[in-house]
Amino acid sequence: WDVRPLLWLDLCSILAALATILLLWLAIDRLLGQVMPRGAL
């Protein structure tokens, strides 16, 4: 990892990225794991 101090903008970016990743993960997981199999049935 680069050695540099994290700024407040970095922390905002980290939180936004995590929120986006988690929401995408939940949406994709639900779509592929539950919605599509039920639709196929």
ModelCIF file with pLDDT and N, C-alpha, C, O atoms, coordinates in Angstrom:
data_MODEL
#
_entry.id   MODEL 
#
_entity.id                         1 
_entity.type                       polymer 
_entity.pdbx_number_of_molecules   1 
#
_entity_poly.entity_id                      1 
_entity_poly.type                           'polypeptide(L)' 
_entity_poly.nstd_linkage                   no 
_entity_poly.nstd_monomer                   no 
_entity_poly.pdbx_seq_one_letter_code       WDVRPLLWLDLCSILAALATILLLWLAIDRLLGQVMPRGAL 
_entity_poly.pdbx_seq_one_letter_code_can   WDVRPLLWLDLCSILAALATILLLWLAIDRLLGQVMPRGAL 
_entity_poly.pdbx_strand_id                 A 
#
loop_
_entity_poly_seq.entity_id 
_entity_poly_seq.num 
_entity_poly_seq.mon_id 
_entity_poly_seq.hetero 
1 1  TRP n 
1 2  ASP n 
1 3  VAL n 
1 4  ARG n 
1 5  PRO n 
1 6  LEU n 
1 7  LEU n 
1 8  TRP n 
1 9  LEU n 
1 10 ASP n 
1 11 LEU n 
1 12 CYS n 
1 13 SER n 
1 14 ILE n 
1 15 LEU n 
1 16 ALA n 
1 17 ALA n 
1 18 LEU n 
1 19 ALA n 
1 20 THR n 
1 21 ILE n 
1 22 LEU n 
1 23 LEU n 
1 24 LEU n 
1 25 TRP n 
1 26 LEU n 
1 27 ALA n 
1 28 ILE n 
1 29 ASP n 
1 30 ARG n 
1 31 LEU n 
1 32 LEU n 
1 33 GLY n 
1 34 GLN n 
1 35 VAL n 
1 36 MET n 
1 37 PRO n 
1 38 ARG n 
1 39 GLY n 
1 40 ALA n 
1 41 LEU n 
#
_struct_asym.id          A 
_struct_asym.entity_id   1 
#
loop_
_ma_qa_metric.id 
_ma_qa_metric.mode 
_ma_qa_metric.name 
_ma_qa_metric.software_group_id 
_ma_qa_metric.type 
1 global pLDDT . pLDDT 
2 local  pLDDT . pLDDT 
#
_ma_qa_metric_global.metric_id      1 
_ma_qa_metric_global.metric_value   84.73 
_ma_qa_metric_global.model_id       1 
_ma_qa_metric_global.ordinal_id     1 
#
loop_
_ma_qa_metric_local.label_asym_id 
_ma_qa_metric_local.label_comp_id 
_ma_qa_metric_local.label_seq_id 
_ma_qa_metric_local.metric_id 
_ma_qa_metric_local.metric_value 
_ma_qa_metric_local.model_id 
_ma_qa_metric_local.ordinal_id 
A TRP 1  2 95.00 1 1  
A ASP 2  2 94.00 1 2  
A VAL 3  2 91.00 1 3  
A ARG 4  2 93.00 1 4  
A PRO 5  2 92.00 1 5  
A LEU 6  2 92.00 1 6  
A LEU 7  2 94.00 1 7  
A TRP 8  2 94.00 1 8  
A LEU 9  2 94.00 1 9  
A ASP 10 2 94.00 1 10 
A LEU 11 2 95.00 1 11 
A CYS 12 2 96.00 1 12 
A SER 13 2 96.00 1 13 
A ILE 14 2 95.00 1 14 
A LEU 15 2 96.00 1 15 
A ALA 16 2 97.00 1 16 
A ALA 17 2 96.00 1 17 
A LEU 18 2 95.00 1 18 
A ALA 19 2 96.00 1 19 
A THR 20 2 96.00 1 20 
A ILE 21 2 94.00 1 21 
A LEU 22 2 93.00 1 22 
A LEU 23 2 94.00 1 23 
A LEU 24 2 93.00 1 24 
A TRP 25 2 89.00 1 25 
A LEU 26 2 86.00 1 26 
A ALA 27 2 88.00 1 27 
A ILE 28 2 86.00 1 28 
A ASP 29 2 82.00 1 29 
A ARG 30 2 79.00 1 30 
A LEU 31 2 83.00 1 31 
A LEU 32 2 81.00 1 32 
A GLY 33 2 74.00 1 33 
A GLN 34 2 69.00 1 34 
A VAL 35 2 61.00 1 35 
A MET 36 2 62.00 1 36 
A PRO 37 2 58.00 1 37 
A ARG 38 2 56.00 1 38 
A GLY 39 2 51.00 1 39 
A ALA 40 2 52.00 1 40 
A LEU 41 2 52.00 1 41 
#
loop_
_atom_site.group_PDB 
_atom_site.id 
_atom_site.type_symbol 
_atom_site.label_atom_id 
_atom_site.label_alt_id 
_atom_site.label_comp_id 
_atom_site.label_asym_id 
_atom_site.label_entity_id 
_atom_site.label_seq_id 
_atom_site.pdbx_PDB_ins_code 
_atom_site.Cartn_x 
_atom_site.Cartn_y 
_atom_site.Cartn_z 
_atom_site.occupancy 
_atom_site.B_iso_or_equiv 
_atom_site.pdbx_formal_charge 
_atom_site.auth_seq_id 
_atom_site.auth_comp_id 
_atom_site.auth_asym_id 
_atom_site.auth_atom_id 
_atom_site.pdbx_PDB_model_num 
ATOM 1   N N  . TRP A 1 1  ? 0.835   -1.198  0.000   1.00 95.00 ? 1  TRP A N  1 
ATOM 2   C CA . TRP A 1 1  ? 0.000   0.000   0.000   1.00 95.00 ? 1  TRP A CA 1 
ATOM 3   C C  . TRP A 1 1  ? 0.870   1.249   0.000   1.00 95.00 ? 1  TRP A C  1 
ATOM 4   O O  . TRP A 1 1  ? 1.918   1.298   0.645   1.00 95.00 ? 1  TRP A O  1 
ATOM 5   N N  . ASP A 1 2  ? 0.411   2.262   -0.741  1.00 94.00 ? 2  ASP A N  1 
ATOM 6   C CA . ASP A 1 2  ? 1.064   3.570   -0.678  1.00 94.00 ? 2  ASP A CA 1 
ATOM 7   C C  . ASP A 1 2  ? 1.034   4.067   0.763   1.00 94.00 ? 2  ASP A C  1 
ATOM 8   O O  . ASP A 1 2  ? 0.124   3.753   1.529   1.00 94.00 ? 2  ASP A O  1 
ATOM 9   N N  . VAL A 1 3  ? 2.038   4.839   1.105   1.00 91.00 ? 3  VAL A N  1 
ATOM 10  C CA . VAL A 1 3  ? 2.059   5.446   2.436   1.00 91.00 ? 3  VAL A CA 1 
ATOM 11  C C  . VAL A 1 3  ? 1.688   6.907   2.262   1.00 91.00 ? 3  VAL A C  1 
ATOM 12  O O  . VAL A 1 3  ? 2.478   7.724   1.789   1.00 91.00 ? 3  VAL A O  1 
ATOM 13  N N  . ARG A 1 4  ? 0.473   7.205   2.655   1.00 93.00 ? 4  ARG A N  1 
ATOM 14  C CA . ARG A 1 4  ? 0.016   8.593   2.619   1.00 93.00 ? 4  ARG A CA 1 
ATOM 15  C C  . ARG A 1 4  ? -1.101  8.727   3.638   1.00 93.00 ? 4  ARG A C  1 
ATOM 16  O O  . ARG A 1 4  ? -1.816  7.765   3.919   1.00 93.00 ? 4  ARG A O  1 
ATOM 17  N N  . PRO A 1 5  ? -1.246  9.908   4.185   1.00 92.00 ? 5  PRO A N  1 
ATOM 18  C CA . PRO A 1 5  ? -2.324  10.085  5.167   1.00 92.00 ? 5  PRO A CA 1 
ATOM 19  C C  . PRO A 1 5  ? -3.686  10.062  4.470   1.00 92.00 ? 5  PRO A C  1 
ATOM 20  O O  . PRO A 1 5  ? -3.838  10.537  3.345   1.00 92.00 ? 5  PRO A O  1 
ATOM 21  N N  . LEU A 1 6  ? -4.654  9.504   5.164   1.00 92.00 ? 6  LEU A N  1 
ATOM 22  C CA . LEU A 1 6  ? -6.018  9.520   4.648   1.00 92.00 ? 6  LEU A CA 1 
ATOM 23  C C  . LEU A 1 6  ? -6.671  10.843  5.037   1.00 92.00 ? 6  LEU A C  1 
ATOM 24  O O  . LEU A 1 6  ? -6.597  11.268  6.190   1.00 92.00 ? 6  LEU A O  1 
ATOM 25  N N  . LEU A 1 7  ? -7.300  11.477  4.078   1.00 94.00 ? 7  LEU A N  1 
ATOM 26  C CA . LEU A 1 7  ? -7.978  12.746  4.293   1.00 94.00 ? 7  LEU A CA 1 
ATOM 27  C C  . LEU A 1 7  ? -9.456  12.485  4.570   1.00 94.00 ? 7  LEU A C  1 
ATOM 28  O O  . LEU A 1 7  ? -9.941  11.367  4.394   1.00 94.00 ? 7  LEU A O  1 
ATOM 29  N N  . TRP A 1 8  ? -10.159 13.514  4.999   1.00 94.00 ? 8  TRP A N  1 
ATOM 30  C CA . TRP A 1 8  ? -11.591 13.349  5.262   1.00 94.00 ? 8  TRP A CA 1 
ATOM 31  C C  . TRP A 1 8  ? -12.331 12.959  3.984   1.00 94.00 ? 8  TRP A C  1 
ATOM 32  O O  . TRP A 1 8  ? -13.313 12.218  4.036   1.00 94.00 ? 8  TRP A O  1 
ATOM 33  N N  . LEU A 1 9  ? -11.864 13.454  2.840   1.00 94.00 ? 9  LEU A N  1 
ATOM 34  C CA . LEU A 1 9  ? -12.492 13.091  1.579   1.00 94.00 ? 9  LEU A CA 1 
ATOM 35  C C  . LEU A 1 9  ? -12.281 11.605  1.265   1.00 94.00 ? 9  LEU A C  1 
ATOM 36  O O  . LEU A 1 9  ? -13.157 10.961  0.689   1.00 94.00 ? 9  LEU A O  1 
ATOM 37  N N  . ASP A 1 10 ? -11.122 11.066  1.643   1.00 94.00 ? 10 ASP A N  1 
ATOM 38  C CA . ASP A 1 10 ? -10.876 9.632   1.491   1.00 94.00 ? 10 ASP A CA 1 
ATOM 39  C C  . ASP A 1 10 ? -11.875 8.832   2.318   1.00 94.00 ? 10 ASP A C  1 
ATOM 40  O O  . ASP A 1 10 ? -12.437 7.841   1.853   1.00 94.00 ? 10 ASP A O  1 
ATOM 41  N N  . LEU A 1 11 ? -12.084 9.279   3.550   1.00 95.00 ? 11 LEU A N  1 
ATOM 42  C CA . LEU A 1 11 ? -13.015 8.559   4.423   1.00 95.00 ? 11 LEU A CA 1 
ATOM 43  C C  . LEU A 1 11 ? -14.438 8.595   3.869   1.00 95.00 ? 11 LEU A C  1 
ATOM 44  O O  . LEU A 1 11 ? -15.165 7.605   3.947   1.00 95.00 ? 11 LEU A O  1 
ATOM 45  N N  . CYS A 1 12 ? -14.830 9.732   3.313   1.00 96.00 ? 12 CYS A N  1 
ATOM 46  C CA . CYS A 1 12 ? -16.153 9.823   2.664   1.00 96.00 ? 12 CYS A CA 1 
ATOM 47  C C  . CYS A 1 12 ? -16.229 8.886   1.469   1.00 96.00 ? 12 CYS A C  1 
ATOM 48  O O  . CYS A 1 12 ? -17.242 8.218   1.258   1.00 96.00 ? 12 CYS A O  1 
ATOM 49  N N  . SER A 1 13 ? -15.158 8.839   0.691   1.00 96.00 ? 13 SER A N  1 
ATOM 50  C CA . SER A 1 13 ? -15.111 7.952   -0.478  1.00 96.00 ? 13 SER A CA 1 
ATOM 51  C C  . SER A 1 13 ? -15.170 6.488   -0.058  1.00 96.00 ? 13 SER A C  1 
ATOM 52  O O  . SER A 1 13 ? -15.849 5.682   -0.693  1.00 96.00 ? 13 SER A O  1 
ATOM 53  N N  . ILE A 1 14 ? -14.460 6.148   1.007   1.00 95.00 ? 14 ILE A N  1 
ATOM 54  C CA . ILE A 1 14 ? -14.458 4.770   1.508   1.00 95.00 ? 14 ILE A CA 1 
ATOM 55  C C  . ILE A 1 14 ? -15.865 4.364   1.934   1.00 95.00 ? 14 ILE A C  1 
ATOM 56  O O  . ILE A 1 14 ? -16.341 3.288   1.573   1.00 95.00 ? 14 ILE A O  1 
ATOM 57  N N  . LEU A 1 15 ? -16.527 5.223   2.698   1.00 96.00 ? 15 LEU A N  1 
ATOM 58  C CA . LEU A 1 15 ? -17.887 4.915   3.154   1.00 96.00 ? 15 LEU A CA 1 
ATOM 59  C C  . LEU A 1 15 ? -18.855 4.801   1.982   1.00 96.00 ? 15 LEU A C  1 
ATOM 60  O O  . LEU A 1 15 ? -19.693 3.900   1.958   1.00 96.00 ? 15 LEU A O  1 
ATOM 61  N N  . ALA A 1 16 ? -18.750 5.704   1.011   1.00 97.00 ? 16 ALA A N  1 
ATOM 62  C CA . ALA A 1 16 ? -19.625 5.653   -0.162  1.00 97.00 ? 16 ALA A CA 1 
ATOM 63  C C  . ALA A 1 16 ? -19.372 4.383   -0.974  1.00 97.00 ? 16 ALA A C  1 
ATOM 64  O O  . ALA A 1 16 ? -20.313 3.739   -1.436  1.00 97.00 ? 16 ALA A O  1 
ATOM 65  N N  . ALA A 1 17 ? -18.102 4.031   -1.143  1.00 96.00 ? 17 ALA A N  1 
ATOM 66  C CA . ALA A 1 17 ? -17.769 2.817   -1.893  1.00 96.00 ? 17 ALA A CA 1 
ATOM 67  C C  . ALA A 1 17 ? -18.290 1.579   -1.178  1.00 96.00 ? 17 ALA A C  1 
ATOM 68  O O  . ALA A 1 17 ? -18.841 0.682   -1.815  1.00 96.00 ? 17 ALA A O  1 
ATOM 69  N N  . LEU A 1 18 ? -18.122 1.523   0.130   1.00 95.00 ? 18 LEU A N  1 
ATOM 70  C CA . LEU A 1 18 ? -18.616 0.368   0.892   1.00 95.00 ? 18 LEU A CA 1 
ATOM 71  C C  . LEU A 1 18 ? -20.129 0.252   0.811   1.00 95.00 ? 18 LEU A C  1 
ATOM 72  O O  . LEU A 1 18 ? -20.665 -0.838  0.610   1.00 95.00 ? 18 LEU A O  1 
ATOM 73  N N  . ALA A 1 19 ? -20.813 1.372   0.966   1.00 96.00 ? 19 ALA A N  1 
ATOM 74  C CA . ALA A 1 19 ? -22.277 1.348   0.872   1.00 96.00 ? 19 ALA A CA 1 
ATOM 75  C C  . ALA A 1 19 ? -22.710 0.854   -0.506  1.00 96.00 ? 19 ALA A C  1 
ATOM 76  O O  . ALA A 1 19 ? -23.629 0.042   -0.619  1.00 96.00 ? 19 ALA A O  1 
ATOM 77  N N  . THR A 1 20 ? -22.055 1.339   -1.536  1.00 96.00 ? 20 THR A N  1 
ATOM 78  C CA . THR A 1 20 ? -22.385 0.918   -2.902  1.00 96.00 ? 20 THR A CA 1 
ATOM 79  C C  . THR A 1 20 ? -22.111 -0.569  -3.100  1.00 96.00 ? 20 THR A C  1 
ATOM 80  O O  . THR A 1 20 ? -22.943 -1.284  -3.660  1.00 96.00 ? 20 THR A O  1 
ATOM 81  N N  . ILE A 1 21 ? -20.956 -1.036  -2.648  1.00 94.00 ? 21 ILE A N  1 
ATOM 82  C CA . ILE A 1 21 ? -20.599 -2.453  -2.788  1.00 94.00 ? 21 ILE A CA 1 
ATOM 83  C C  . ILE A 1 21 ? -21.605 -3.332  -2.059  1.00 94.00 ? 21 ILE A C  1 
ATOM 84  O O  . ILE A 1 21 ? -22.080 -4.326  -2.610  1.00 94.00 ? 21 ILE A O  1 
ATOM 85  N N  . LEU A 1 22 ? -21.928 -2.974  -0.832  1.00 93.00 ? 22 LEU A N  1 
ATOM 86  C CA . LEU A 1 22 ? -22.852 -3.800  -0.050  1.00 93.00 ? 22 LEU A CA 1 
ATOM 87  C C  . LEU A 1 22 ? -24.247 -3.813  -0.660  1.00 93.00 ? 22 LEU A C  1 
ATOM 88  O O  . LEU A 1 22 ? -24.888 -4.863  -0.716  1.00 93.00 ? 22 LEU A O  1 
ATOM 89  N N  . LEU A 1 23 ? -24.720 -2.670  -1.113  1.00 94.00 ? 23 LEU A N  1 
ATOM 90  C CA . LEU A 1 23 ? -26.040 -2.626  -1.746  1.00 94.00 ? 23 LEU A CA 1 
ATOM 91  C C  . LEU A 1 23 ? -26.060 -3.416  -3.057  1.00 94.00 ? 23 LEU A C  1 
ATOM 92  O O  . LEU A 1 23 ? -27.013 -4.145  -3.335  1.00 94.00 ? 23 LEU A O  1 
ATOM 93  N N  . LEU A 1 24 ? -25.005 -3.267  -3.856  1.00 93.00 ? 24 LEU A N  1 
ATOM 94  C CA . LEU A 1 24 ? -24.923 -4.059  -5.098  1.00 93.00 ? 24 LEU A CA 1 
ATOM 95  C C  . LEU A 1 24 ? -24.853 -5.552  -4.795  1.00 93.00 ? 24 LEU A C  1 
ATOM 96  O O  . LEU A 1 24 ? -25.503 -6.361  -5.457  1.00 93.00 ? 24 LEU A O  1 
ATOM 97  N N  . TRP A 1 25 ? -24.053 -5.909  -3.784  1.00 89.00 ? 25 TRP A N  1 
ATOM 98  C CA . TRP A 1 25 ? -23.932 -7.321  -3.407  1.00 89.00 ? 25 TRP A CA 1 
ATOM 99  C C  . TRP A 1 25 ? -25.301 -7.887  -3.028  1.00 89.00 ? 25 TRP A C  1 
ATOM 100 O O  . TRP A 1 25 ? -25.695 -8.951  -3.506  1.00 89.00 ? 25 TRP A O  1 
ATOM 101 N N  . LEU A 1 26 ? -26.017 -7.173  -2.171  1.00 86.00 ? 26 LEU A N  1 
ATOM 102 C CA . LEU A 1 26 ? -27.331 -7.649  -1.733  1.00 86.00 ? 26 LEU A CA 1 
ATOM 103 C C  . LEU A 1 26 ? -28.313 -7.743  -2.896  1.00 86.00 ? 26 LEU A C  1 
ATOM 104 O O  . LEU A 1 26 ? -29.079 -8.702  -2.983  1.00 86.00 ? 26 LEU A O  1 
ATOM 105 N N  . ALA A 1 27 ? -28.296 -6.764  -3.779  1.00 88.00 ? 27 ALA A N  1 
ATOM 106 C CA . ALA A 1 27 ? -29.213 -6.765  -4.913  1.00 88.00 ? 27 ALA A CA 1 
ATOM 107 C C  . ALA A 1 27 ? -28.900 -7.903  -5.885  1.00 88.00 ? 27 ALA A C  1 
ATOM 108 O O  . ALA A 1 27 ? -29.804 -8.620  -6.313  1.00 88.00 ? 27 ALA A O  1 
ATOM 109 N N  . ILE A 1 28 ? -27.636 -8.069  -6.229  1.00 86.00 ? 28 ILE A N  1 
ATOM 110 C CA . ILE A 1 28 ? -27.247 -9.134  -7.164  1.00 86.00 ? 28 ILE A CA 1 
ATOM 111 C C  . ILE A 1 28 ? -27.492 -10.498 -6.552  1.00 86.00 ? 28 ILE A C  1 
ATOM 112 O O  . ILE A 1 28 ? -27.994 -11.403 -7.218  1.00 86.00 ? 28 ILE A O  1 
ATOM 113 N N  . ASP A 1 29 ? -27.139 -10.646 -5.283  1.00 82.00 ? 29 ASP A N  1 
ATOM 114 C CA . ASP A 1 29 ? -27.348 -11.918 -4.599  1.00 82.00 ? 29 ASP A CA 1 
ATOM 115 C C  . ASP A 1 29 ? -28.834 -12.264 -4.556  1.00 82.00 ? 29 ASP A C  1 
ATOM 116 O O  . ASP A 1 29 ? -29.210 -13.412 -4.795  1.00 82.00 ? 29 ASP A O  1 
ATOM 117 N N  . ARG A 1 30 ? -29.657 -11.306 -4.262  1.00 79.00 ? 30 ARG A N  1 
ATOM 118 C CA . ARG A 1 30 ? -31.109 -11.551 -4.215  1.00 79.00 ? 30 ARG A CA 1 
ATOM 119 C C  . ARG A 1 30 ? -31.638 -11.882 -5.611  1.00 79.00 ? 30 ARG A C  1 
ATOM 120 O O  . ARG A 1 30 ? -32.435 -12.806 -5.769  1.00 79.00 ? 30 ARG A O  1 
ATOM 121 N N  . LEU A 1 31 ? -31.206 -11.145 -6.604  1.00 83.00 ? 31 LEU A N  1 
ATOM 122 C CA . LEU A 1 31 ? -31.667 -11.379 -7.968  1.00 83.00 ? 31 LEU A CA 1 
ATOM 123 C C  . LEU A 1 31 ? -31.276 -12.770 -8.449  1.00 83.00 ? 31 LEU A C  1 
ATOM 124 O O  . LEU A 1 31 ? -32.124 -13.528 -8.918  1.00 83.00 ? 31 LEU A O  1 
ATOM 125 N N  . LEU A 1 32 ? -29.998 -13.107 -8.334  1.00 81.00 ? 32 LEU A N  1 
ATOM 126 C CA . LEU A 1 32 ? -29.527 -14.394 -8.855  1.00 81.00 ? 32 LEU A CA 1 
ATOM 127 C C  . LEU A 1 32 ? -29.892 -15.567 -7.950  1.00 81.00 ? 32 LEU A C  1 
ATOM 128 O O  . LEU A 1 32 ? -30.090 -16.682 -8.433  1.00 81.00 ? 32 LEU A O  1 
ATOM 129 N N  . GLY A 1 33 ? -29.983 -15.327 -6.650  1.00 74.00 ? 33 GLY A N  1 
ATOM 130 C CA . GLY A 1 33 ? -30.220 -16.414 -5.718  1.00 74.00 ? 33 GLY A CA 1 
ATOM 131 C C  . GLY A 1 33 ? -31.672 -16.697 -5.424  1.00 74.00 ? 33 GLY A C  1 
ATOM 132 O O  . GLY A 1 33 ? -32.014 -17.810 -5.026  1.00 74.00 ? 33 GLY A O  1 
ATOM 133 N N  . GLN A 1 34 ? -32.544 -15.709 -5.612  1.00 69.00 ? 34 GLN A N  1 
ATOM 134 C CA . GLN A 1 34 ? -33.936 -15.910 -5.235  1.00 69.00 ? 34 GLN A CA 1 
ATOM 135 C C  . GLN A 1 34 ? -34.914 -15.576 -6.357  1.00 69.00 ? 34 GLN A C  1 
ATOM 136 O O  . GLN A 1 34 ? -35.793 -16.380 -6.671  1.00 69.00 ? 34 GLN A O  1 
ATOM 137 N N  . VAL A 1 35 ? -34.773 -14.419 -6.953  1.00 61.00 ? 35 VAL A N  1 
ATOM 138 C CA . VAL A 1 35 ? -35.760 -13.974 -7.938  1.00 61.00 ? 35 VAL A CA 1 
ATOM 139 C C  . VAL A 1 35 ? -35.698 -14.818 -9.210  1.00 61.00 ? 35 VAL A C  1 
ATOM 140 O O  . VAL A 1 35 ? -36.727 -15.316 -9.667  1.00 61.00 ? 35 VAL A O  1 
ATOM 141 N N  . MET A 1 36 ? -34.506 -14.987 -9.788  1.00 62.00 ? 36 MET A N  1 
ATOM 142 C CA . MET A 1 36 ? -34.404 -15.734 -11.043 1.00 62.00 ? 36 MET A CA 1 
ATOM 143 C C  . MET A 1 36 ? -34.815 -17.201 -10.888 1.00 62.00 ? 36 MET A C  1 
ATOM 144 O O  . MET A 1 36 ? -35.538 -17.705 -11.748 1.00 62.00 ? 36 MET A O  1 
ATOM 145 N N  . PRO A 1 37 ? -34.389 -17.916 -9.829  1.00 58.00 ? 37 PRO A N  1 
ATOM 146 C CA . PRO A 1 37 ? -34.848 -19.304 -9.690  1.00 58.00 ? 37 PRO A CA 1 
ATOM 147 C C  . PRO A 1 37 ? -36.364 -19.406 -9.547  1.00 58.00 ? 37 PRO A C  1 
ATOM 148 O O  . PRO A 1 37 ? -36.976 -20.319 -10.103 1.00 58.00 ? 37 PRO A O  1 
ATOM 149 N N  . ARG A 1 38 ? -36.973 -18.485 -8.812  1.00 56.00 ? 38 ARG A N  1 
ATOM 150 C CA . ARG A 1 38 ? -38.439 -18.515 -8.668  1.00 56.00 ? 38 ARG A CA 1 
ATOM 151 C C  . ARG A 1 38 ? -39.119 -18.205 -9.989  1.00 56.00 ? 38 ARG A C  1 
ATOM 152 O O  . ARG A 1 38 ? -40.143 -18.799 -10.326 1.00 56.00 ? 38 ARG A O  1 
ATOM 153 N N  . GLY A 1 39 ? -38.540 -17.264 -10.738 1.00 51.00 ? 39 GLY A N  1 
ATOM 154 C CA . GLY A 1 39 ? -39.093 -16.947 -12.053 1.00 51.00 ? 39 GLY A CA 1 
ATOM 155 C C  . GLY A 1 39 ? -39.014 -18.141 -12.987 1.00 51.00 ? 39 GLY A C  1 
ATOM 156 O O  . GLY A 1 39 ? -39.941 -18.391 -13.757 1.00 51.00 ? 39 GLY A O  1 
ATOM 157 N N  . ALA A 1 40 ? -37.914 -18.881 -12.926 1.00 52.00 ? 40 ALA A N  1 
ATOM 158 C CA . ALA A 1 40 ? -37.776 -20.085 -13.763 1.00 52.00 ? 40 ALA A CA 1 
ATOM 159 C C  . ALA A 1 40 ? -38.804 -21.131 -13.375 1.00 52.00 ? 40 ALA A C  1 
ATOM 160 O O  . ALA A 1 40 ? -39.345 -21.817 -14.242 1.00 52.00 ? 40 ALA A O  1 
ATOM 161 N N  . LEU A 1 41 ? -39.086 -21.265 -12.071 1.00 52.00 ? 41 LEU A N  1 
ATOM 162 C CA . LEU A 1 41 ? -40.100 -22.225 -11.629 1.00 52.00 ? 41 LEU A CA 1 
ATOM 163 C C  . LEU A 1 41 ? -41.472 -21.834 -12.142 1.00 52.00 ? 41 LEU A C  1 
ATOM 164 O O  . LEU A 1 41 ? -42.453 -22.526 -11.870 1.00 52.00 ? 41 LEU A O  1 
#
